[in-house]
Structures are given as structure tokens and as C-alpha cells.
């Protein structure tokens, strides 16, 4: 499980991105790069990290399922993800 502070920091970054999304889009359309650099760093969407919804892990994240590879494997083996079966050949 990820540290609680990391999860909270990521939530705060996501809120900041939403807050400044319209302003950023307007400045980008005007090509006002000096104005963009005056915005907070966390206003950039690339600062938000994809994290596993169950464990909070950031590495090995699968966008399609919203979980990390380890959590995905556990859930698939327990039959919690419909349509996913273990490969055998």
C-alpha cells in the first residue's frame, strides 16, 4: 500500500489541474507561454500520476482496468474480473 501522503498529494494535484484547466487551455490557444509559466507547477496535467485504485501503486499501472499488474493478477486469479481467464496452451 502506498503512503497516505502520496495519495493525498496526488489528489491535491488532480484538483489543481481541474481548477486551472480552462485558464491553461486559453493561454495555450493564445501561445502565452510566459503566462503558462506563471501558473503553479501542479496545474500541469503531466504532474498527476496514475495510481492503482486498490493498492496505490504507481508502477505497472494498467489504464484499461485502473489497477496495477499485481492487483490485476490477484483479482483475475480470484475471478473478480469478468472475461479474464488464465492462459493455458
N, C-alpha and C. Protein backbone atom coordinates (compact mmCIF):
# COMPACT_ATOMS: atom_id res chain seq x y z
N UNK A 1 0.84 -1.18 0.00
CA UNK A 1 0.00 0.00 0.00
C UNK A 1 0.89 1.24 0.00
N UNK A 2 0.52 2.20 -0.81
CA UNK A 2 1.28 3.45 -0.89
C UNK A 2 1.06 4.28 0.37
N UNK A 3 2.01 5.14 0.63
CA UNK A 3 1.86 6.02 1.79
C UNK A 3 0.67 6.94 1.59
N UNK A 4 0.01 7.24 2.68
CA UNK A 4 -1.18 8.09 2.61
C UNK A 4 -0.84 9.48 2.09
N UNK A 5 0.35 9.97 2.42
CA UNK A 5 0.74 11.31 1.98
C UNK A 5 0.88 11.37 0.46
N UNK A 6 1.37 10.28 -0.16
CA UNK A 6 1.50 10.26 -1.61
C UNK A 6 0.15 10.29 -2.28
N UNK A 7 -0.80 9.53 -1.73
CA UNK A 7 -2.14 9.50 -2.30
C UNK A 7 -2.82 10.86 -2.18
N UNK A 8 -2.66 11.50 -1.02
CA UNK A 8 -3.26 12.82 -0.80
C UNK A 8 -2.62 13.87 -1.70
N UNK A 9 -1.31 13.77 -1.88
CA UNK A 9 -0.61 14.73 -2.75
C UNK A 9 -1.11 14.60 -4.19
N UNK A 10 -1.33 13.37 -4.62
CA UNK A 10 -1.82 13.14 -5.98
C UNK A 10 -3.24 13.68 -6.14
N UNK A 11 -4.08 13.54 -5.10
CA UNK A 11 -5.44 14.08 -5.14
C UNK A 11 -5.40 15.60 -5.24
N UNK A 12 -4.50 16.20 -4.48
CA UNK A 12 -4.36 17.67 -4.50
C UNK A 12 -3.92 18.14 -5.88
N UNK A 13 -2.99 17.41 -6.51
CA UNK A 13 -2.54 17.77 -7.85
C UNK A 13 -3.69 17.67 -8.84
N UNK A 14 -4.50 16.62 -8.73
CA UNK A 14 -5.63 16.44 -9.65
C UNK A 14 -6.64 17.58 -9.50
N UNK A 15 -6.87 18.03 -8.28
CA UNK A 15 -7.79 19.15 -8.05
C UNK A 15 -7.23 20.44 -8.65
N UNK A 16 -5.93 20.65 -8.52
CA UNK A 16 -5.29 21.84 -9.08
C UNK A 16 -5.38 21.83 -10.60
N UNK A 17 -5.21 20.66 -11.20
CA UNK A 17 -5.32 20.55 -12.66
C UNK A 17 -6.71 20.94 -13.11
N UNK A 18 -7.74 20.45 -12.41
CA UNK A 18 -9.12 20.80 -12.77
C UNK A 18 -9.37 22.30 -12.62
N UNK A 19 -8.82 22.87 -11.56
CA UNK A 19 -9.03 24.29 -11.27
C UNK A 19 -8.48 25.18 -12.39
N UNK A 20 -7.30 24.83 -12.89
CA UNK A 20 -6.62 25.68 -13.87
C UNK A 20 -6.79 25.20 -15.31
N UNK A 21 -7.61 24.19 -15.57
CA UNK A 21 -7.72 23.61 -16.92
C UNK A 21 -8.17 24.64 -17.94
N UNK A 22 -9.20 25.41 -17.63
CA UNK A 22 -9.71 26.40 -18.59
C UNK A 22 -8.69 27.51 -18.84
N UNK A 23 -8.05 27.96 -17.79
CA UNK A 23 -7.05 29.03 -17.91
C UNK A 23 -5.87 28.54 -18.76
N UNK A 24 -5.41 27.30 -18.51
CA UNK A 24 -4.30 26.73 -19.28
C UNK A 24 -4.66 26.62 -20.75
N UNK A 25 -5.88 26.15 -21.04
CA UNK A 25 -6.30 25.98 -22.43
C UNK A 25 -6.34 27.32 -23.15
N UNK A 26 -6.83 28.34 -22.45
CA UNK A 26 -6.90 29.68 -23.03
C UNK A 26 -5.51 30.23 -23.33
N UNK A 27 -4.60 30.07 -22.37
CA UNK A 27 -3.22 30.56 -22.56
C UNK A 27 -2.50 29.81 -23.66
N UNK A 28 -2.77 28.49 -23.76
CA UNK A 28 -2.13 27.72 -24.82
C UNK A 28 -2.64 28.15 -26.19
N UNK A 29 -3.94 28.46 -26.27
CA UNK A 29 -4.50 28.90 -27.54
C UNK A 29 -3.90 30.24 -27.97
N UNK A 30 -3.64 31.10 -27.00
CA UNK A 30 -3.02 32.41 -27.29
C UNK A 30 -1.51 32.31 -27.44
N UNK A 31 -0.94 31.15 -27.14
CA UNK A 31 0.51 30.92 -27.13
C UNK A 31 1.23 31.85 -26.16
N UNK A 32 0.59 32.03 -25.01
CA UNK A 32 1.15 32.87 -23.95
C UNK A 32 1.96 31.98 -23.00
N UNK A 33 3.18 31.67 -23.40
CA UNK A 33 4.00 30.75 -22.62
C UNK A 33 4.54 31.38 -21.35
N UNK A 34 4.70 32.69 -21.35
CA UNK A 34 5.13 33.37 -20.13
C UNK A 34 4.03 33.27 -19.08
N UNK A 35 2.78 33.40 -19.51
CA UNK A 35 1.66 33.26 -18.60
C UNK A 35 1.52 31.84 -18.07
N UNK A 36 1.79 30.88 -18.94
CA UNK A 36 1.73 29.48 -18.52
C UNK A 36 2.77 29.19 -17.45
N UNK A 37 3.94 29.77 -17.60
CA UNK A 37 4.99 29.51 -16.62
C UNK A 37 4.71 30.19 -15.29
N UNK A 38 3.81 31.16 -15.29
CA UNK A 38 3.46 31.82 -14.03
C UNK A 38 2.44 31.04 -13.22
N UNK A 39 1.78 30.06 -13.85
CA UNK A 39 0.81 29.22 -13.13
C UNK A 39 1.57 28.27 -12.21
N UNK A 40 0.88 27.72 -11.21
CA UNK A 40 1.55 26.74 -10.34
C UNK A 40 1.99 25.51 -11.12
N UNK A 41 3.06 24.89 -10.67
CA UNK A 41 3.58 23.71 -11.36
C UNK A 41 2.57 22.58 -11.37
N UNK A 42 1.84 22.43 -10.27
CA UNK A 42 0.88 21.33 -10.18
C UNK A 42 -0.35 21.54 -11.06
N UNK A 43 -0.43 22.65 -11.77
CA UNK A 43 -1.55 22.89 -12.68
C UNK A 43 -1.36 22.12 -13.98
N UNK A 44 -0.18 21.59 -14.21
CA UNK A 44 0.09 20.83 -15.42
C UNK A 44 -0.43 19.40 -15.27
N UNK A 45 -1.18 18.89 -16.25
CA UNK A 45 -1.74 17.55 -16.13
C UNK A 45 -0.69 16.44 -16.09
N UNK A 46 0.52 16.70 -16.57
CA UNK A 46 1.55 15.66 -16.54
C UNK A 46 2.08 15.40 -15.14
N UNK A 47 1.75 16.26 -14.19
CA UNK A 47 2.22 16.07 -12.82
C UNK A 47 1.37 15.05 -12.06
N UNK A 48 0.18 14.74 -12.57
CA UNK A 48 -0.69 13.76 -11.91
C UNK A 48 -0.24 12.37 -12.30
N UNK A 49 -0.13 11.48 -11.32
CA UNK A 49 0.37 10.13 -11.53
C UNK A 49 -0.80 9.15 -11.52
N UNK A 50 -0.82 8.24 -12.50
CA UNK A 50 -1.82 7.17 -12.47
C UNK A 50 -1.47 6.21 -11.34
N UNK A 51 -2.43 5.95 -10.47
CA UNK A 51 -2.19 5.05 -9.35
C UNK A 51 -3.25 3.97 -9.30
N UNK A 52 -2.86 2.82 -8.79
CA UNK A 52 -3.77 1.69 -8.62
C UNK A 52 -4.88 2.09 -7.64
N UNK A 53 -6.12 1.77 -8.00
CA UNK A 53 -7.25 2.15 -7.15
C UNK A 53 -7.30 1.33 -5.87
N UNK A 54 -6.67 0.17 -5.85
CA UNK A 54 -6.71 -0.68 -4.66
C UNK A 54 -5.48 -0.52 -3.77
N UNK A 55 -4.31 -0.55 -4.38
CA UNK A 55 -3.09 -0.52 -3.58
C UNK A 55 -2.38 0.82 -3.58
N UNK A 56 -2.66 1.67 -4.57
CA UNK A 56 -1.98 2.96 -4.65
C UNK A 56 -0.65 2.89 -5.37
N UNK A 57 -0.29 1.72 -5.86
CA UNK A 57 0.98 1.55 -6.57
C UNK A 57 0.97 2.33 -7.88
N UNK A 58 2.10 2.95 -8.23
CA UNK A 58 2.13 3.75 -9.45
C UNK A 58 2.83 3.06 -10.60
N UNK A 59 3.67 2.10 -10.31
CA UNK A 59 4.36 1.38 -11.38
C UNK A 59 3.54 0.17 -11.82
N UNK A 60 3.62 -0.16 -13.08
CA UNK A 60 2.89 -1.31 -13.61
C UNK A 60 1.39 -1.08 -13.63
N UNK A 61 0.98 0.16 -13.92
CA UNK A 61 -0.44 0.53 -13.91
C UNK A 61 -1.08 0.20 -15.25
N UNK A 62 -2.24 -0.47 -15.23
CA UNK A 62 -3.00 -0.77 -16.44
C UNK A 62 -4.16 0.18 -16.53
N UNK A 63 -4.14 1.05 -17.54
CA UNK A 63 -5.20 2.04 -17.69
C UNK A 63 -6.57 1.41 -17.91
N UNK A 64 -6.61 0.35 -18.68
CA UNK A 64 -7.88 -0.29 -19.03
C UNK A 64 -8.63 -0.76 -17.79
N UNK A 65 -7.92 -1.23 -16.79
CA UNK A 65 -8.54 -1.77 -15.59
C UNK A 65 -8.41 -0.85 -14.38
N UNK A 66 -7.50 0.11 -14.43
CA UNK A 66 -7.33 1.06 -13.34
C UNK A 66 -6.62 0.50 -12.13
N UNK A 67 -5.88 -0.59 -12.32
CA UNK A 67 -5.15 -1.22 -11.22
C UNK A 67 -3.74 -1.56 -11.68
N UNK A 68 -2.88 -1.89 -10.71
CA UNK A 68 -1.52 -2.28 -11.04
C UNK A 68 -1.50 -3.73 -11.48
N UNK A 69 -0.39 -4.15 -12.05
CA UNK A 69 -0.28 -5.50 -12.58
C UNK A 69 -0.43 -6.56 -11.49
N UNK A 70 0.06 -6.26 -10.30
CA UNK A 70 -0.02 -7.23 -9.20
C UNK A 70 -1.46 -7.39 -8.72
N UNK A 71 -2.14 -6.27 -8.56
CA UNK A 71 -3.54 -6.31 -8.14
C UNK A 71 -4.40 -6.97 -9.21
N UNK A 72 -4.08 -6.68 -10.47
CA UNK A 72 -4.82 -7.29 -11.58
C UNK A 72 -4.68 -8.80 -11.55
N UNK A 73 -3.47 -9.27 -11.33
CA UNK A 73 -3.23 -10.72 -11.32
C UNK A 73 -4.01 -11.39 -10.20
N UNK A 74 -3.97 -10.79 -9.01
CA UNK A 74 -4.71 -11.36 -7.87
C UNK A 74 -6.21 -11.41 -8.16
N UNK A 75 -6.73 -10.31 -8.68
CA UNK A 75 -8.16 -10.24 -8.96
C UNK A 75 -8.56 -11.21 -10.06
N UNK A 76 -7.72 -11.35 -11.08
CA UNK A 76 -8.02 -12.27 -12.18
C UNK A 76 -8.02 -13.72 -11.70
N UNK A 77 -7.05 -14.07 -10.87
CA UNK A 77 -6.99 -15.45 -10.36
C UNK A 77 -8.14 -15.77 -9.43
N UNK A 78 -8.67 -14.75 -8.74
CA UNK A 78 -9.82 -14.96 -7.86
C UNK A 78 -11.14 -14.86 -8.59
N UNK A 79 -11.08 -14.57 -9.90
CA UNK A 79 -12.30 -14.49 -10.70
C UNK A 79 -13.09 -13.22 -10.50
N UNK A 80 -12.45 -12.14 -10.08
CA UNK A 80 -13.15 -10.88 -9.82
C UNK A 80 -13.27 -10.01 -11.06
N UNK A 81 -12.52 -10.33 -12.12
CA UNK A 81 -12.58 -9.54 -13.35
C UNK A 81 -13.27 -10.40 -14.41
N UNK A 82 -14.47 -10.01 -14.83
CA UNK A 82 -15.19 -10.83 -15.80
C UNK A 82 -14.50 -10.88 -17.16
N UNK A 83 -14.49 -12.06 -17.76
CA UNK A 83 -13.90 -12.25 -19.08
C UNK A 83 -12.42 -12.49 -19.09
N UNK A 84 -11.77 -12.48 -17.93
CA UNK A 84 -10.33 -12.69 -17.86
C UNK A 84 -10.08 -14.08 -17.29
N UNK A 85 -9.36 -14.90 -18.05
CA UNK A 85 -9.01 -16.23 -17.59
C UNK A 85 -7.51 -16.45 -17.72
N UNK A 86 -6.99 -17.37 -17.00
CA UNK A 86 -5.57 -17.68 -17.06
C UNK A 86 -5.26 -18.40 -18.36
N UNK A 87 -4.23 -17.97 -19.03
CA UNK A 87 -3.87 -18.59 -20.30
C UNK A 87 -3.30 -19.98 -20.07
N UNK A 88 -3.67 -20.90 -20.95
CA UNK A 88 -3.08 -22.24 -20.91
C UNK A 88 -3.00 -22.76 -22.33
N UNK A 89 -1.83 -23.29 -22.68
CA UNK A 89 -1.66 -23.82 -24.03
C UNK A 89 -0.72 -24.99 -24.03
